[in-house]
C-alpha atoms as a PDB file:
ATOM      1  CA  MET A   1      26.269 127.509  99.912  1.00  0.00           C
ATOM      2  CA  ASN A   2      29.998 126.759  99.898  1.00  0.00           C
ATOM      3  CA  TYR A   3      30.348 127.708 103.573  1.00  0.00           C
ATOM      4  CA  ARG A   4      27.880 124.968 104.493  1.00  0.00           C
ATOM      5  CA  ILE A   5      30.210 122.298 103.157  1.00  0.00           C
ATOM      6  CA  LYS A   6      32.922 123.574 105.495  1.00  0.00           C
ATOM      7  CA  TYR A   7      30.589 123.275 108.468  1.00  0.00           C
ATOM      8  CA  TYR A   8      28.653 120.125 107.658  1.00  0.00           C
ATOM      9  CA  ALA A   9      31.471 118.046 106.125  1.00  0.00           C
ATOM     10  CA  PRO A  10      33.142 117.128 109.446  1.00  0.00           C
ATOM     11  CA  ALA A  11      29.869 115.814 110.901  1.00  0.00           C
ATOM     12  CA  ILE A  12      29.000 113.902 107.740  1.00  0.00           C
ATOM     13  CA  LEU A  13      32.470 112.369 107.461  1.00  0.00           C
ATOM     14  CA  TYR A  14      32.475 111.506 111.157  1.00  0.00           C
ATOM     15  CA  VAL A  15      29.130 109.700 111.034  1.00  0.00           C
ATOM     16  CA  ILE A  16      30.347 107.774 107.996  1.00  0.00           C
ATOM     17  CA  LEU A  17      33.405 106.777 110.042  1.00  0.00           C
ATOM     18  CA  ILE A  18      31.155 105.674 112.919  1.00  0.00           C
ATOM     19  CA  PHE A  19      29.134 103.414 110.626  1.00  0.00           C
ATOM     20  CA  ALA A  20      32.307 102.091 108.999  1.00  0.00           C
ATOM     21  CA  LEU A  21      33.669 101.170 112.433  1.00  0.00           C
ATOM     22  CA  SER A  22      30.349  99.511 113.230  1.00  0.00           C
ATOM     23  CA  SER A  23      30.853  97.287 110.198  1.00  0.00           C
ATOM     24  CA  LEU A  24      34.079  95.828 111.568  1.00  0.00           C
ATOM     25  CA  ASN A  25      34.259  92.357 113.052  1.00  0.00           C
ATOM     26  CA  GLN A  26      33.826  92.378 116.837  1.00  0.00           C
ATOM     27  CA  GLN A  27      37.116  90.560 117.387  1.00  0.00           C
ATOM     28  CA  PHE A  28      38.961  93.195 115.361  1.00  0.00           C
ATOM     29  CA  VAL A  29      37.418  95.914 117.528  1.00  0.00           C
ATOM     30  CA  VAL A  30      38.387  94.084 120.729  1.00  0.00           C
ATOM     31  CA  ASN A  31      41.955  93.583 119.504  1.00  0.00           C
ATOM     32  CA  TYR A  32      42.448  97.265 118.661  1.00  0.00           C
ATOM     33  CA  SER A  33      40.548  98.994 121.464  1.00  0.00           C
ATOM     34  CA  TRP A  34      43.553  98.773 123.810  1.00  0.00           C
ATOM     35  CA  SER A  35      41.373  97.277 126.577  1.00  0.00           C
ATOM     36  CA  ILE A  36      39.548 100.584 126.977  1.00  0.00           C
ATOM     37  CA  ASP A  37      36.098 100.204 128.514  1.00  0.00           C
ATOM     38  CA  ASP A  38      33.324 100.005 125.888  1.00  0.00           C
ATOM     39  CA  PHE A  39      31.289 102.739 127.612  1.00  0.00           C
ATOM     40  CA  LEU A  40      34.279 105.098 127.504  1.00  0.00           C
ATOM     41  CA  LEU A  41      34.946 104.335 123.832  1.00  0.00           C
ATOM     42  CA  HIS A  42      31.346 105.107 122.915  1.00  0.00           C
ATOM     43  CA  PHE A  43      31.346 108.231 125.080  1.00  0.00           C
ATOM     44  CA  VAL A  44      34.500 109.658 123.493  1.00  0.00           C
ATOM     45  CA  GLU A  45      33.444 108.699 119.966  1.00  0.00           C
ATOM     46  CA  TYR A  46      30.107 110.481 120.290  1.00  0.00           C
ATOM     47  CA  ASN A  47      31.518 113.391 122.266  1.00  0.00           C
ATOM     48  CA  LEU A  48      33.705 114.227 119.271  1.00  0.00           C
ATOM     49  CA  TYR A  49      30.793 113.609 116.911  1.00  0.00           C
ATOM     50  CA  GLY A  50      28.677 115.990 118.992  1.00  0.00           C
ATOM     51  CA  VAL A  51      31.316 118.701 118.611  1.00  0.00           C
ATOM     52  CA  THR A  52      31.141 118.338 114.822  1.00  0.00           C
ATOM     53  CA  LEU A  53      27.340 118.480 114.967  1.00  0.00           C
ATOM     54  CA  ILE A  54      27.330 121.663 117.040  1.00  0.00           C
ATOM     55  CA  TRP A  55      29.899 123.155 114.672  1.00  0.00           C
ATOM     56  CA  ALA A  56      27.552 122.418 111.776  1.00  0.00           C
ATOM     57  CA  VAL A  57      24.244 123.620 113.206  1.00  0.00           C
ATOM     58  CA  MET A  58      25.522 126.810 114.859  1.00  0.00           C
ATOM     59  CA  LYS A  59      26.599 128.607 111.679  1.00  0.00           C
ATOM     60  CA  ASP A  60      23.207 130.099 110.868  1.00  0.00           C
ATOM     61  CA  LYS A  61      22.192 130.795 114.471  1.00  0.00           C
ATOM     62  CA  PRO A  62      22.777 134.024 116.356  1.00  0.00           C
ATOM     63  CA  GLY A  63      24.347 133.750 119.812  1.00  0.00           C
ATOM     64  CA  SER A  64      20.932 134.061 121.443  1.00  0.00           C
ATOM     65  CA  GLU A  65      19.866 130.758 119.883  1.00  0.00           C
ATOM     66  CA  LEU A  66      22.636 128.582 121.301  1.00  0.00           C
ATOM     67  CA  LYS A  67      20.165 126.383 123.177  1.00  0.00           C
ATOM     68  CA  THR A  68      18.351 125.622 119.920  1.00  0.00           C
ATOM     69  CA  SER A  69      21.639 124.615 118.275  1.00  0.00           C
ATOM     70  CA  TYR A  70      22.557 122.427 121.222  1.00  0.00           C
ATOM     71  CA  ARG A  71      19.160 120.721 121.241  1.00  0.00           C
ATOM     72  CA  LEU A  72      19.357 120.078 117.503  1.00  0.00           C
ATOM     73  CA  ALA A  73      22.879 118.658 117.758  1.00  0.00           C
ATOM     74  CA  VAL A  74      21.906 116.383 120.667  1.00  0.00           C
ATOM     75  CA  SER A  75      18.784 115.228 118.798  1.00  0.00           C
ATOM     76  CA  ILE A  76      20.752 114.398 115.657  1.00  0.00           C
ATOM     77  CA  GLY A  77      23.419 112.670 117.747  1.00  0.00           C
ATOM     78  CA  ALA A  78      20.839 110.587 119.624  1.00  0.00           C
ATOM     79  CA  LEU A  79      19.123 109.543 116.402  1.00  0.00           C
ATOM     80  CA  SER A  80      22.517 108.629 114.921  1.00  0.00           C
ATOM     81  CA  ALA A  81      23.323 106.534 117.999  1.00  0.00           C
ATOM     82  CA  ILE A  82      20.042 104.642 117.708  1.00  0.00           C
ATOM     83  CA  ALA A  83      20.548 104.139 113.970  1.00  0.00           C
ATOM     84  CA  ASP A  84      24.123 102.937 114.554  1.00  0.00           C
ATOM     85  CA  GLU A  85      23.047 100.358 117.134  1.00  0.00           C
ATOM     86  CA  PHE A  86      20.209  99.217 114.889  1.00  0.00           C
ATOM     87  CA  TYR A  87      22.681  98.858 112.015  1.00  0.00           C
ATOM     88  CA  GLN A  88      25.069  96.861 114.228  1.00  0.00           C
ATOM     89  CA  SER A  89      22.306  94.392 115.015  1.00  0.00           C
ATOM     90  CA  PHE A  90      22.553  93.215 111.395  1.00  0.00           C
ATOM     91  CA  ILE A  91      26.343  92.849 111.314  1.00  0.00           C
ATOM     92  CA  PRO A  92      27.592  89.289 111.966  1.00  0.00           C
ATOM     93  CA  SER A  93      29.680  89.089 115.163  1.00  0.00           C
ATOM     94  CA  ARG A  94      28.394  92.501 116.341  1.00  0.00           C
ATOM     95  CA  PHE A  95      25.632  93.214 118.780  1.00  0.00           C
ATOM     96  CA  SER A  96      23.715  96.267 119.887  1.00  0.00           C
ATOM     97  CA  THR A  97      22.908  97.319 123.422  1.00  0.00           C
ATOM     98  CA  ILE A  98      20.953 100.068 125.097  1.00  0.00           C
ATOM     99  CA  GLU A  99      24.056 100.783 127.205  1.00  0.00           C
ATOM    100  CA  ASP A 100      25.908 101.786 124.039  1.00  0.00           C
ATOM    101  CA  VAL A 101      23.109 104.188 123.106  1.00  0.00           C
ATOM    102  CA  VAL A 102      23.206 105.685 126.614  1.00  0.00           C
ATOM    103  CA  ALA A 103      26.992 106.174 126.380  1.00  0.00           C
ATOM    104  CA  ASP A 104      26.615 107.721 122.921  1.00  0.00           C
ATOM    105  CA  VAL A 105      23.895 110.152 124.000  1.00  0.00           C
ATOM    106  CA  PHE A 106      25.802 111.027 127.167  1.00  0.00           C
ATOM    107  CA  GLY A 107      28.844 111.799 124.999  1.00  0.00           C
ATOM    108  CA  VAL A 108      26.818 114.030 122.680  1.00  0.00           C
ATOM    109  CA  ILE A 109      25.255 115.899 125.610  1.00  0.00           C
ATOM    110  CA  LEU A 110      28.656 116.564 127.144  1.00  0.00           C
ATOM    111  CA  SER A 111      29.963 117.709 123.752  1.00  0.00           C
ATOM    112  CA  ILE A 112      28.229 121.009 124.540  1.00  0.00           C
ATOM    113  CA  ILE A 113      30.834 121.568 127.259  1.00  0.00           C
ATOM    114  CA  THR A 114      33.646 120.280 125.031  1.00  0.00           C
ATOM    115  CA  PHE A 115      32.585 122.611 122.216  1.00  0.00           C
ATOM    116  CA  SER A 116      32.367 125.589 124.563  1.00  0.00           C
ATOM    117  CA  LEU A 117      35.880 124.887 125.853  1.00  0.00           C
ATOM    118  CA  LEU A 118      37.292 124.428 122.349  1.00  0.00           C
ATOM    119  CA  MET A 119      35.807 127.742 121.219  1.00  0.00           C
ATOM    120  CA  LYS A 120      37.766 129.489 123.988  1.00  0.00           C
ATOM    121  CA  ILE A 121      40.968 128.612 122.097  1.00  0.00           C
ATOM    122  CA  PRO A 122      41.747 131.914 120.319  1.00  0.00           C
ATOM    123  CA  VAL A 123      42.641 130.385 116.945  1.00  0.00           C
ATOM    124  CA  LEU A 124      39.436 128.348 116.783  1.00  0.00           C
ATOM    125  CA  GLU A 125      37.316 131.227 118.036  1.00  0.00           C
ATOM    126  CA  ARG A 126      38.665 133.538 115.303  1.00  0.00           C
ATOM    127  CA  PHE A 127      38.226 130.845 112.656  1.00  0.00           C
ATOM    128  CA  ARG A 128      34.618 130.265 113.712  1.00  0.00           C
ATOM    129  CA  ALA A 129      33.832 134.005 113.876  1.00  0.00           C
ATOM    130  CA  HIS A 130      35.270 134.842 110.446  1.00  0.00           C
ATOM    131  CA  ALA A 131      34.328 131.768 108.462  1.00  0.00           C
END
């Protein structure tokens, strides 16, 4: 049971951070986004979230079930993106768009590649294998 906290905590904390950022005033977000394109911000934010989701759902899966883990992580990420945009629609000064959802889902899908590359780093690979 304790190992699950180690694997699920990053994803849970990250989604809480996403919703906290969604609660911020739009002007604050614009001022501190360093003029980075909105699509790119959403993509990167959800790419990292996708990595934490894959990290969480892979623990109980043998290597032969990687596709199942990836599908589950992408599904959770897509549902989170939709929920986040829905939530933003109720925040004064914020707005929700389908383009943001597309960027979020695209980021989660590409997190499969990001995760695979990160797991090639020897320290992370050993940590994952022996956790």
